[in-house]
N, C-alpha and C. Protein backbone atom coordinates (compact mmCIF):
# COMPACT_ATOMS: atom_id res chain seq x y z
N MET A 1 68.66 -0.78 -70.21
CA MET A 1 68.21 -1.09 -68.97
C MET A 1 68.15 0.30 -68.16
N SER A 2 67.00 0.39 -67.32
CA SER A 2 66.86 1.59 -66.59
C SER A 2 67.51 1.56 -65.21
N LEU A 3 67.47 2.55 -64.73
CA LEU A 3 68.11 3.03 -63.34
C LEU A 3 67.63 1.96 -62.23
N PRO A 4 66.35 1.77 -61.94
CA PRO A 4 65.91 0.91 -61.04
C PRO A 4 66.43 -0.65 -61.32
N THR A 5 66.38 -0.99 -62.51
CA THR A 5 66.97 -2.37 -62.71
C THR A 5 68.33 -2.46 -62.60
N ARG A 6 69.03 -1.43 -62.79
CA ARG A 6 70.66 -1.47 -62.58
C ARG A 6 70.89 -1.41 -61.00
N GLN A 7 70.03 -0.77 -60.38
CA GLN A 7 70.24 -0.66 -58.83
C GLN A 7 69.98 -2.04 -58.19
N ILE A 8 68.79 -2.70 -58.73
CA ILE A 8 68.60 -4.10 -58.28
C ILE A 8 69.77 -5.05 -58.60
N GLY A 9 70.45 -4.72 -59.76
CA GLY A 9 71.46 -5.62 -60.02
C GLY A 9 72.65 -5.55 -58.99
N GLY A 10 72.89 -4.10 -58.59
CA GLY A 10 73.91 -3.89 -57.60
C GLY A 10 73.47 -4.54 -56.23
N HIS A 11 72.32 -4.35 -55.88
CA HIS A 11 71.96 -4.97 -54.65
C HIS A 11 72.10 -6.51 -54.73
N LYS A 12 71.83 -7.09 -55.89
CA LYS A 12 71.99 -8.65 -55.90
C LYS A 12 73.48 -8.95 -55.95
N ALA A 13 74.39 -8.15 -56.40
CA ALA A 13 75.69 -8.40 -56.33
C ALA A 13 76.25 -8.35 -54.80
N ALA A 14 75.62 -7.54 -54.14
CA ALA A 14 76.04 -7.17 -52.72
C ALA A 14 75.64 -8.58 -52.03
N LEU A 15 74.50 -9.04 -52.19
CA LEU A 15 73.90 -10.22 -51.54
C LEU A 15 74.84 -11.37 -51.67
N ASN A 16 75.53 -11.51 -53.03
CA ASN A 16 76.35 -12.65 -53.20
C ASN A 16 77.81 -12.34 -52.93
N ASN A 17 78.04 -11.28 -52.34
CA ASN A 17 79.60 -10.88 -52.10
C ASN A 17 79.75 -11.23 -50.75
N PRO A 18 80.88 -12.16 -50.57
CA PRO A 18 81.02 -12.48 -49.00
C PRO A 18 81.72 -11.57 -48.19
N ASN A 19 82.20 -10.40 -48.80
CA ASN A 19 82.78 -9.42 -47.95
C ASN A 19 81.73 -8.41 -47.56
N VAL A 20 80.53 -8.50 -47.88
CA VAL A 20 79.45 -7.45 -47.41
C VAL A 20 78.81 -8.17 -46.15
N SER A 21 78.68 -7.12 -45.13
CA SER A 21 78.08 -7.48 -43.86
C SER A 21 76.67 -8.01 -43.86
N ASP A 22 76.26 -8.83 -42.88
CA ASP A 22 75.03 -9.25 -42.76
C ASP A 22 74.00 -8.07 -42.80
N GLU A 23 74.26 -7.00 -42.12
CA GLU A 23 73.51 -5.83 -42.03
C GLU A 23 73.23 -5.20 -43.48
N ALA A 24 74.26 -5.16 -44.08
CA ALA A 24 74.30 -4.45 -45.54
C ALA A 24 73.38 -5.41 -46.42
N LYS A 25 73.61 -6.56 -46.34
CA LYS A 25 72.65 -7.62 -47.05
C LYS A 25 71.34 -7.53 -46.95
N GLU A 26 70.92 -7.38 -45.61
CA GLU A 26 69.63 -7.24 -45.15
C GLU A 26 69.08 -5.89 -45.68
N HIS A 27 69.85 -4.86 -45.76
CA HIS A 27 69.56 -3.62 -46.44
C HIS A 27 69.24 -3.75 -48.00
N SER A 28 70.16 -4.57 -48.59
CA SER A 28 70.06 -4.92 -49.97
C SER A 28 68.81 -5.78 -50.51
N ARG A 29 68.32 -6.58 -49.43
CA ARG A 29 67.03 -7.40 -49.68
C ARG A 29 66.01 -6.58 -49.63
N GLN A 30 65.84 -5.49 -48.68
CA GLN A 30 64.78 -4.61 -48.64
C GLN A 30 64.63 -3.65 -49.75
N ALA A 31 65.92 -3.07 -50.01
CA ALA A 31 65.87 -2.32 -51.33
C ALA A 31 65.49 -2.97 -52.66
N ILE A 32 65.78 -4.21 -52.69
CA ILE A 32 65.34 -4.99 -53.99
C ILE A 32 63.88 -5.18 -53.95
N GLU A 33 63.27 -5.47 -52.76
CA GLU A 33 61.75 -5.48 -52.71
C GLU A 33 61.15 -4.25 -53.07
N ASP A 34 61.67 -3.18 -52.37
CA ASP A 34 60.96 -1.83 -52.94
C ASP A 34 61.13 -1.42 -54.26
N LEU A 35 62.26 -1.68 -54.88
CA LEU A 35 62.47 -1.28 -56.20
C LEU A 35 61.65 -2.26 -57.25
N GLU A 36 61.70 -3.42 -56.84
CA GLU A 36 60.64 -4.40 -57.71
C GLU A 36 59.17 -4.13 -57.58
N ALA A 37 58.83 -3.37 -56.63
CA ALA A 37 57.39 -3.12 -56.50
C ALA A 37 56.96 -1.84 -57.28
N GLN A 38 58.02 -1.12 -57.78
CA GLN A 38 57.75 0.17 -58.66
C GLN A 38 57.16 -0.25 -59.92
N PRO A 39 56.12 0.52 -60.36
CA PRO A 39 55.72 0.22 -61.64
C PRO A 39 56.59 0.33 -62.67
N GLU A 40 57.51 1.37 -62.81
CA GLU A 40 58.47 1.50 -63.81
C GLU A 40 59.40 0.49 -63.90
N THR A 41 59.92 -0.34 -62.88
CA THR A 41 60.68 -1.38 -62.87
C THR A 41 60.01 -2.46 -63.58
N GLN A 42 58.79 -2.74 -63.32
CA GLN A 42 58.07 -4.00 -63.94
C GLN A 42 57.89 -3.72 -65.31
N GLU A 43 57.57 -2.48 -65.79
CA GLU A 43 57.43 -2.11 -67.21
C GLU A 43 58.79 -2.28 -67.89
N THR A 44 59.95 -1.85 -67.37
CA THR A 44 61.33 -2.00 -67.97
C THR A 44 61.66 -3.47 -68.20
N ARG A 45 61.31 -4.15 -67.02
CA ARG A 45 61.72 -5.72 -67.23
C ARG A 45 60.91 -6.39 -68.20
N ALA A 46 59.55 -6.10 -68.27
CA ALA A 46 58.82 -6.68 -69.29
C ALA A 46 59.30 -6.32 -70.80
N GLY A 47 59.67 -5.08 -71.02
CA GLY A 47 60.12 -4.59 -72.20
C GLY A 47 61.67 -5.35 -72.62
N TYR A 48 62.25 -5.49 -71.53
CA TYR A 48 63.56 -6.14 -71.83
C TYR A 48 63.42 -7.45 -72.14
N GLU A 49 62.51 -8.17 -71.49
CA GLU A 49 62.25 -9.66 -71.71
C GLU A 49 61.69 -9.90 -73.14
N GLU A 50 61.08 -8.87 -73.63
CA GLU A 50 60.46 -9.06 -75.01
C GLU A 50 61.55 -9.04 -75.84
N ASP A 51 62.35 -7.98 -75.81
CA ASP A 51 63.50 -7.73 -76.64
C ASP A 51 64.41 -8.92 -76.59
N LYS A 52 64.54 -9.51 -75.36
CA LYS A 52 65.43 -10.55 -75.14
C LYS A 52 65.03 -11.70 -75.97
N ASP A 53 63.84 -12.18 -75.86
CA ASP A 53 63.32 -13.28 -76.51
C ASP A 53 63.37 -12.98 -78.06
N GLU A 54 63.10 -11.84 -78.51
CA GLU A 54 63.36 -11.77 -80.06
C GLU A 54 64.92 -11.91 -80.46
N VAL A 55 65.77 -11.49 -79.62
CA VAL A 55 67.08 -11.71 -80.13
C VAL A 55 67.46 -13.32 -80.01
N ARG A 56 67.05 -13.86 -79.06
CA ARG A 56 67.35 -15.35 -79.01
C ARG A 56 66.50 -15.97 -80.19
N GLN A 57 65.32 -15.66 -80.54
CA GLN A 57 64.72 -16.31 -81.66
C GLN A 57 65.40 -16.01 -82.84
N ASN A 58 65.85 -14.87 -82.91
CA ASN A 58 66.57 -14.42 -84.21
C ASN A 58 67.95 -15.31 -84.18
N ALA A 59 68.56 -15.54 -83.31
CA ALA A 59 69.74 -16.19 -83.20
C ALA A 59 69.56 -17.77 -83.61
N GLY A 60 68.47 -18.23 -83.14
CA GLY A 60 67.92 -19.49 -83.55
C GLY A 60 67.69 -19.61 -84.99
N TYR A 61 67.03 -18.50 -85.61
CA TYR A 61 66.78 -18.56 -87.12
C TYR A 61 68.00 -18.65 -87.92
N LYS A 62 69.05 -17.61 -87.33
CA LYS A 62 70.24 -17.59 -87.98
C LYS A 62 71.17 -18.89 -87.99
N ALA A 63 70.98 -19.59 -86.82
CA ALA A 63 71.60 -21.05 -86.86
C ALA A 63 70.86 -21.78 -87.82
N THR A 64 69.66 -21.76 -87.90
CA THR A 64 68.85 -22.61 -88.92
C THR A 64 69.47 -22.35 -90.32
N LEU A 65 69.72 -21.10 -90.76
CA LEU A 65 70.13 -21.05 -92.25
C LEU A 65 71.53 -21.58 -92.22
N LYS A 66 72.48 -21.89 -91.26
CA LYS A 66 73.74 -22.33 -91.43
C LYS A 66 73.82 -24.00 -91.19
N ASN A 67 72.67 -24.57 -90.67
CA ASN A 67 72.75 -25.94 -90.36
C ASN A 67 72.49 -26.77 -91.55
N PRO A 68 73.45 -27.61 -91.76
CA PRO A 68 73.34 -28.57 -93.05
C PRO A 68 72.33 -29.55 -92.89
N ASN A 69 71.98 -29.75 -91.70
CA ASN A 69 70.78 -30.82 -91.33
C ASN A 69 69.34 -30.24 -91.31
N VAL A 70 69.09 -29.05 -91.96
CA VAL A 70 68.04 -28.40 -92.00
C VAL A 70 67.45 -28.39 -93.44
N SER A 71 66.21 -28.70 -93.47
CA SER A 71 65.56 -28.61 -95.07
C SER A 71 65.69 -27.16 -95.60
N GLN A 72 65.74 -27.03 -96.90
CA GLN A 72 65.78 -25.90 -97.67
C GLN A 72 64.53 -25.07 -97.30
N GLU A 73 63.47 -25.97 -97.14
CA GLU A 73 62.03 -25.01 -96.80
C GLU A 73 62.22 -24.36 -95.48
N ALA A 74 62.82 -25.24 -94.57
CA ALA A 74 62.93 -24.46 -93.19
C ALA A 74 64.03 -23.33 -93.25
N LYS A 75 64.92 -23.43 -94.13
CA LYS A 75 65.94 -22.38 -94.07
C LYS A 75 65.25 -21.07 -94.77
N GLU A 76 64.33 -21.24 -95.80
CA GLU A 76 63.55 -20.10 -96.48
C GLU A 76 62.67 -19.62 -95.40
N HIS A 77 62.00 -20.40 -94.77
CA HIS A 77 61.14 -19.79 -93.58
C HIS A 77 61.88 -18.92 -92.71
N ALA A 78 63.11 -19.44 -92.22
CA ALA A 78 63.85 -18.60 -91.23
C ALA A 78 64.29 -17.36 -91.86
N LYS A 79 64.85 -17.43 -93.12
CA LYS A 79 65.13 -16.28 -93.90
C LYS A 79 64.10 -15.27 -93.91
N ASP A 80 62.96 -15.59 -94.28
CA ASP A 80 61.73 -14.69 -94.30
C ASP A 80 61.56 -14.02 -93.10
N ILE A 81 61.49 -14.78 -92.10
CA ILE A 81 61.33 -14.25 -90.74
C ILE A 81 62.27 -13.12 -90.20
N LEU A 82 63.47 -13.42 -90.64
CA LEU A 82 64.64 -12.67 -90.35
C LEU A 82 64.58 -11.24 -91.02
N GLU A 83 64.00 -11.38 -92.35
CA GLU A 83 63.99 -10.27 -93.26
C GLU A 83 62.97 -9.61 -92.74
N GLU A 84 61.82 -10.00 -92.28
CA GLU A 84 60.61 -9.21 -91.77
C GLU A 84 61.06 -8.48 -90.60
N ARG A 85 61.80 -9.05 -89.94
CA ARG A 85 62.22 -8.34 -88.65
C ARG A 85 63.43 -7.29 -88.80
N GLY A 86 64.06 -7.52 -90.00
CA GLY A 86 65.13 -6.61 -90.15
C GLY A 86 66.34 -6.94 -89.60
N ALA A 87 66.41 -8.33 -89.41
CA ALA A 87 67.60 -8.90 -88.67
C ALA A 87 68.72 -9.42 -89.59
N ILE A 88 68.44 -9.40 -90.86
CA ILE A 88 69.59 -9.67 -91.82
C ILE A 88 69.48 -8.65 -93.04
């Protein structure tokens, strides 16, 4: 994750912290808007989401391999995909 994305996370934490003043929360809201508008933040998020989706898909395929209620054909398909992705 890149620096702008981490900064956004810090500002979101401030918004949810009951010990942060209303003035500081307003500053964090504005900072989040500014950071999210930056092109590099949008690119980083898109790449992160794509990676995250593949990780979730791989987890599902791995679960398929271990599920006794799944057909052998489905297990072979899952195994083929995981091998293509280098996930096993």
